[in-house]
Amino acid sequence: MNKIFKHNLLWLLIFLSFTVGQTLDEMKSTIKQNNYSASYVIPSSSGISMAVNVWGEVRAPGQYLIPYSINLDIVSLLSQAGGPTANAKLSKVILLRETDEAGEQQKIIVDLKEFTKTGDRSRLPTLQPNDTIIILPTFWNRVKSGTAWVDILYRFATIYLLITRY
């Protein structure tokens, strides 16, 4: 009886693997045809969610799944991402938005520095599926990180001069 059970279980697993594999292939082809449909995720308990990306000068960059049913703005999402770092350039936050299924993107510049002064949320755009928020570093931070090689070169030159003179 034990051999028959194992034999039937093996055939059942093989059958299920072909059935599930075919279903996954069909799903992949559907997603390739309509990439915009992959923007929504349906978890079991919280309803439909959408993926939004946060890049750059935030404490926890990454992809966030947020409920589609609420009108979430950039400030709320950045709060979930731990907020901006001290090096963040808040006057020109970039919001990249897919405008259609062909992947056309719209670039929206948001002034969060103005928001911190006024607290007016009416000028903040609400988030949509596949939005990408990019917070760049400030000018001085880019200069500071871009000139690190000059400091290294200076140290090597100093070591070289000390060795050749003594």
C-alpha atoms as a PDB file:
ATOM      1  CA  MET A   1       0.000   0.000   0.000  1.00  0.00           C
ATOM      2  CA  ASN A   2       2.848   2.341   0.795  1.00  0.00           C
ATOM      3  CA  LYS A   3       4.413   1.889  -2.685  1.00  0.00           C
ATOM      4  CA  ILE A   4       1.092   2.559  -4.420  1.00  0.00           C
ATOM      5  CA  PHE A   5       0.580   5.722  -2.381  1.00  0.00           C
ATOM      6  CA  LYS A   6       4.084   7.008  -3.225  1.00  0.00           C
ATOM      7  CA  HIS A   7       3.602   6.110  -6.893  1.00  0.00           C
ATOM      8  CA  ASN A   8       0.252   7.965  -7.095  1.00  0.00           C
ATOM      9  CA  LEU A   9       1.660  10.935  -5.204  1.00  0.00           C
ATOM     10  CA  LEU A  10       4.562  11.130  -7.677  1.00  0.00           C
ATOM     11  CA  TRP A  11       2.178  11.121 -10.651  1.00  0.00           C
ATOM     12  CA  LEU A  12       0.000  13.753  -8.995  1.00  0.00           C
ATOM     13  CA  LEU A  13       3.011  16.020  -8.428  1.00  0.00           C
ATOM     14  CA  ILE A  14       4.130  15.579 -12.042  1.00  0.00           C
ATOM     15  CA  PHE A  15       0.636  16.390 -13.294  1.00  0.00           C
ATOM     16  CA  LEU A  16       0.386  19.463 -11.069  1.00  0.00           C
ATOM     17  CA  SER A  17       3.800  20.711 -12.145  1.00  0.00           C
ATOM     18  CA  PHE A  18       2.748  20.649 -15.801  1.00  0.00           C
ATOM     19  CA  THR A  19      -0.581  22.315 -15.030  1.00  0.00           C
ATOM     20  CA  VAL A  20       0.930  25.032 -12.859  1.00  0.00           C
ATOM     21  CA  GLY A  21       3.798  25.525 -15.312  1.00  0.00           C
ATOM     22  CA  GLN A  22       1.363  26.081 -18.147  1.00  0.00           C
ATOM     23  CA  THR A  23      -0.613  28.558 -16.077  1.00  0.00           C
ATOM     24  CA  LEU A  24       2.556  30.463 -15.136  1.00  0.00           C
ATOM     25  CA  ASP A  25       3.624  30.592 -18.799  1.00  0.00           C
ATOM     26  CA  GLU A  26       0.228  31.980 -19.749  1.00  0.00           C
ATOM     27  CA  MET A  27       0.519  34.580 -16.991  1.00  0.00           C
ATOM     28  CA  LYS A  28       4.017  35.578 -18.139  1.00  0.00           C
ATOM     29  CA  SER A  29       2.834  36.062 -21.718  1.00  0.00           C
ATOM     30  CA  THR A  30      -0.082  38.183 -20.502  1.00  0.00           C
ATOM     31  CA  ILE A  31       2.264  40.354 -18.445  1.00  0.00           C
ATOM     32  CA  LYS A  32       4.609  40.759 -21.426  1.00  0.00           C
ATOM     33  CA  GLN A  33       1.693  41.873 -23.594  1.00  0.00           C
ATOM     34  CA  ASN A  34       0.439  44.369 -21.025  1.00  0.00           C
ATOM     35  CA  ASN A  35       3.275  45.386 -18.731  1.00  0.00           C
ATOM     36  CA  TYR A  36       1.127  48.037 -17.071  1.00  0.00           C
ATOM     37  CA  SER A  37      -1.093  45.325 -15.578  1.00  0.00           C
ATOM     38  CA  ALA A  38       1.884  44.137 -13.534  1.00  0.00           C
ATOM     39  CA  SER A  39       1.701  47.442 -11.652  1.00  0.00           C
ATOM     40  CA  TYR A  40      -0.896  46.107  -9.260  1.00  0.00           C
ATOM     41  CA  VAL A  41      -0.481  43.434  -6.625  1.00  0.00           C
ATOM     42  CA  ILE A  42      -3.409  41.704  -4.935  1.00  0.00           C
ATOM     43  CA  PRO A  43      -2.413  40.465  -1.481  1.00  0.00           C
ATOM     44  CA  SER A  44      -4.961  38.357   0.356  1.00  0.00           C
ATOM     45  CA  SER A  45      -6.018  40.685   3.163  1.00  0.00           C
ATOM     46  CA  SER A  46      -5.473  44.329   2.236  1.00  0.00           C
ATOM     47  CA  GLY A  47      -6.920  44.506  -1.275  1.00  0.00           C
ATOM     48  CA  ILE A  48      -5.172  45.905  -4.329  1.00  0.00           C
ATOM     49  CA  SER A  49      -1.739  47.441  -3.821  1.00  0.00           C
ATOM     50  CA  MET A  50       0.569  49.275  -6.191  1.00  0.00           C
ATOM     51  CA  ALA A  51       4.344  49.331  -6.358  1.00  0.00           C
ATOM     52  CA  VAL A  52       6.148  52.663  -5.989  1.00  0.00           C
ATOM     53  CA  ASN A  53       9.948  53.063  -6.066  1.00  0.00           C
ATOM     54  CA  VAL A  54      11.995  55.382  -3.856  1.00  0.00           C
ATOM     55  CA  TRP A  55      15.606  56.066  -4.854  1.00  0.00           C
ATOM     56  CA  GLY A  56      18.371  58.309  -3.615  1.00  0.00           C
ATOM     57  CA  GLU A  57      18.849  60.239  -0.421  1.00  0.00           C
ATOM     58  CA  VAL A  58      16.343  58.538   1.890  1.00  0.00           C
ATOM     59  CA  ARG A  59      17.036  56.355   4.883  1.00  0.00           C
ATOM     60  CA  ALA A  60      15.426  53.221   3.400  1.00  0.00           C
ATOM     61  CA  PRO A  61      15.296  53.332  -0.413  1.00  0.00           C
ATOM     62  CA  GLY A  62      13.485  50.556  -2.228  1.00  0.00           C
ATOM     63  CA  GLN A  63      10.162  49.466  -3.630  1.00  0.00           C
ATOM     64  CA  TYR A  64       7.075  49.978  -1.495  1.00  0.00           C
ATOM     65  CA  LEU A  65       3.677  48.331  -1.885  1.00  0.00           C
ATOM     66  CA  ILE A  66       1.013  50.836  -0.943  1.00  0.00           C
ATOM     67  CA  PRO A  67      -2.767  50.410  -0.961  1.00  0.00           C
ATOM     68  CA  TYR A  68      -4.311  51.609  -4.210  1.00  0.00           C
ATOM     69  CA  SER A  69      -7.503  52.700  -2.479  1.00  0.00           C
ATOM     70  CA  ILE A  70      -5.920  55.634  -0.641  1.00  0.00           C
ATOM     71  CA  ASN A  71      -4.548  58.808  -2.196  1.00  0.00           C
ATOM     72  CA  LEU A  72      -0.998  58.701  -0.894  1.00  0.00           C
ATOM     73  CA  ASP A  73       1.305  61.638  -1.596  1.00  0.00           C
ATOM     74  CA  ILE A  74       5.102  61.865  -1.752  1.00  0.00           C
ATOM     75  CA  VAL A  75       5.520  63.072   1.833  1.00  0.00           C
ATOM     76  CA  SER A  76       3.612  60.100   3.246  1.00  0.00           C
ATOM     77  CA  LEU A  77       5.658  57.641   1.198  1.00  0.00           C
ATOM     78  CA  LEU A  78       8.951  59.288   2.148  1.00  0.00           C
ATOM     79  CA  SER A  79       7.881  59.023   5.775  1.00  0.00           C
ATOM     80  CA  GLN A  80       7.466  55.273   5.277  1.00  0.00           C
ATOM     81  CA  ALA A  81      10.962  55.219   3.749  1.00  0.00           C
ATOM     82  CA  GLY A  82      12.431  56.761   6.902  1.00  0.00           C
ATOM     83  CA  GLY A  83      12.471  60.324   5.597  1.00  0.00           C
ATOM     84  CA  PRO A  84      15.158  62.152   3.626  1.00  0.00           C
ATOM     85  CA  THR A  85      18.782  62.142   4.721  1.00  0.00           C
ATOM     86  CA  ALA A  86      20.674  65.279   5.669  1.00  0.00           C
ATOM     87  CA  ASN A  87      22.231  65.281   2.177  1.00  0.00           C
ATOM     88  CA  ALA A  88      18.878  65.346   0.325  1.00  0.00           C
ATOM     89  CA  LYS A  89      18.075  68.124  -2.115  1.00  0.00           C
ATOM     90  CA  LEU A  90      14.431  68.728  -1.261  1.00  0.00           C
ATOM     91  CA  SER A  91      13.881  71.654  -3.623  1.00  0.00           C
ATOM     92  CA  LYS A  92      13.947  69.420  -6.735  1.00  0.00           C
ATOM     93  CA  VAL A  93      12.545  65.974  -6.002  1.00  0.00           C
ATOM     94  CA  ILE A  94      12.002  64.077  -9.254  1.00  0.00           C
ATOM     95  CA  LEU A  95       8.850  62.033  -9.807  1.00  0.00           C
ATOM     96  CA  LEU A  96       8.989  59.770 -12.862  1.00  0.00           C
ATOM     97  CA  ARG A  97       5.544  58.589 -13.942  1.00  0.00           C
ATOM     98  CA  GLU A  98       4.531  56.139 -16.631  1.00  0.00           C
ATOM     99  CA  THR A  99       1.859  57.876 -18.679  1.00  0.00           C
ATOM    100  CA  ASP A 100       0.719  54.953 -20.833  1.00  0.00           C
ATOM    101  CA  GLU A 101       1.229  51.274 -21.479  1.00  0.00           C
ATOM    102  CA  ALA A 102       4.031  51.915 -23.975  1.00  0.00           C
ATOM    103  CA  GLY A 103       6.313  53.002 -21.143  1.00  0.00           C
ATOM    104  CA  GLU A 104       6.290  56.734 -21.910  1.00  0.00           C
ATOM    105  CA  GLN A 105       7.466  58.646 -18.859  1.00  0.00           C
ATOM    106  CA  GLN A 106       6.588  62.039 -17.515  1.00  0.00           C
ATOM    107  CA  LYS A 107       9.072  63.911 -15.321  1.00  0.00           C
ATOM    108  CA  ILE A 108       7.506  65.966 -12.534  1.00  0.00           C
ATOM    109  CA  ILE A 109       9.631  68.212 -10.299  1.00  0.00           C
ATOM    110  CA  VAL A 110       8.272  68.581  -6.762  1.00  0.00           C
ATOM    111  CA  ASP A 111       9.489  71.235  -4.314  1.00  0.00           C
ATOM    112  CA  LEU A 112       9.395  69.598  -0.895  1.00  0.00           C
ATOM    113  CA  LYS A 113      11.359  72.466   0.604  1.00  0.00           C
ATOM    114  CA  GLU A 114       8.372  74.700  -0.070  1.00  0.00           C
ATOM    115  CA  PHE A 115       6.128  72.093   1.552  1.00  0.00           C
ATOM    116  CA  THR A 116       8.271  72.107   4.708  1.00  0.00           C
ATOM    117  CA  LYS A 117       7.799  75.877   4.926  1.00  0.00           C
ATOM    118  CA  THR A 118       4.047  76.042   4.238  1.00  0.00           C
ATOM    119  CA  GLY A 119       2.704  72.566   5.026  1.00  0.00           C
ATOM    120  CA  ASP A 120       0.396  72.881   1.996  1.00  0.00           C
ATOM    121  CA  ARG A 121      -0.317  69.391   0.623  1.00  0.00           C
ATOM    122  CA  SER A 122      -2.475  70.656  -2.246  1.00  0.00           C
ATOM    123  CA  ARG A 123       0.557  71.043  -4.529  1.00  0.00           C
ATOM    124  CA  LEU A 124       1.831  67.516  -3.888  1.00  0.00           C
ATOM    125  CA  PRO A 125       0.897  64.979  -6.585  1.00  0.00           C
ATOM    126  CA  THR A 126      -0.773  61.748  -5.495  1.00  0.00           C
ATOM    127  CA  LEU A 127       1.106  58.589  -6.318  1.00  0.00           C
ATOM    128  CA  GLN A 128       0.208  56.228  -9.137  1.00  0.00           C
ATOM    129  CA  PRO A 129       1.389  52.698  -9.985  1.00  0.00           C
ATOM    130  CA  ASN A 130       5.052  52.394 -11.022  1.00  0.00           C
ATOM    131  CA  ASP A 131       5.918  55.935  -9.931  1.00  0.00           C
ATOM    132  CA  THR A 132       9.588  56.398  -9.132  1.00  0.00           C
ATOM    133  CA  ILE A 133      10.675  59.092  -6.694  1.00  0.00           C
ATOM    134  CA  ILE A 134      14.303  60.194  -6.959  1.00  0.00           C
ATOM    135  CA  ILE A 135      15.893  62.416  -4.331  1.00  0.00           C
ATOM    136  CA  LEU A 136      19.278  63.674  -5.444  1.00  0.00           C
ATOM    137  CA  PRO A 137      22.071  64.805  -3.114  1.00  0.00           C
ATOM    138  CA  THR A 138      22.770  68.488  -2.640  1.00  0.00           C
ATOM    139  CA  PHE A 139      25.399  70.235  -4.760  1.00  0.00           C
ATOM    140  CA  TRP A 140      27.948  70.388  -1.925  1.00  0.00           C
ATOM    141  CA  ASN A 141      27.494  66.732  -1.133  1.00  0.00           C
ATOM    142  CA  ARG A 142      28.167  65.833  -4.779  1.00  0.00           C
ATOM    143  CA  VAL A 143      31.257  68.060  -4.789  1.00  0.00           C
ATOM    144  CA  LYS A 144      32.465  66.504  -1.557  1.00  0.00           C
ATOM    145  CA  SER A 145      32.031  62.941  -2.810  1.00  0.00           C
ATOM    146  CA  GLY A 146      33.416  63.821  -6.240  1.00  0.00           C
ATOM    147  CA  THR A 147      36.663  65.234  -4.845  1.00  0.00           C
ATOM    148  CA  ALA A 148      37.574  62.271  -2.665  1.00  0.00           C
ATOM    149  CA  TRP A 149      39.965  61.090  -5.360  1.00  0.00           C
ATOM    150  CA  VAL A 150      41.829  64.421  -5.093  1.00  0.00           C
ATOM    151  CA  ASP A 151      42.450  63.759  -1.393  1.00  0.00           C
ATOM    152  CA  ILE A 152      43.748  60.244  -2.171  1.00  0.00           C
ATOM    153  CA  LEU A 153      46.002  61.590  -4.928  1.00  0.00           C
ATOM    154  CA  TYR A 154      47.337  64.257  -2.561  1.00  0.00           C
ATOM    155  CA  ARG A 155      48.203  61.623   0.059  1.00  0.00           C
ATOM    156  CA  PHE A 156      50.044  59.456  -2.483  1.00  0.00           C
ATOM    157  CA  ALA A 157      51.957  62.498  -3.741  1.00  0.00           C
ATOM    158  CA  THR A 158      52.934  63.395  -0.179  1.00  0.00           C
ATOM    159  CA  ILE A 159      54.137  59.844   0.524  1.00  0.00           C
ATOM    160  CA  TYR A 160      56.081  59.798  -2.764  1.00  0.00           C
ATOM    161  CA  LEU A 161      57.779  63.117  -1.981  1.00  0.00           C
ATOM    162  CA  LEU A 162      58.680  61.989   1.539  1.00  0.00           C
ATOM    163  CA  ILE A 163      60.211  58.743   0.205  1.00  0.00           C
ATOM    164  CA  THR A 164      62.192  60.420  -2.582  1.00  0.00           C
ATOM    165  CA  ARG A 165      63.565  63.186  -0.350  1.00  0.00           C
ATOM    166  CA  TYR A 166      64.732  60.931   2.471  1.00  0.00           C
END
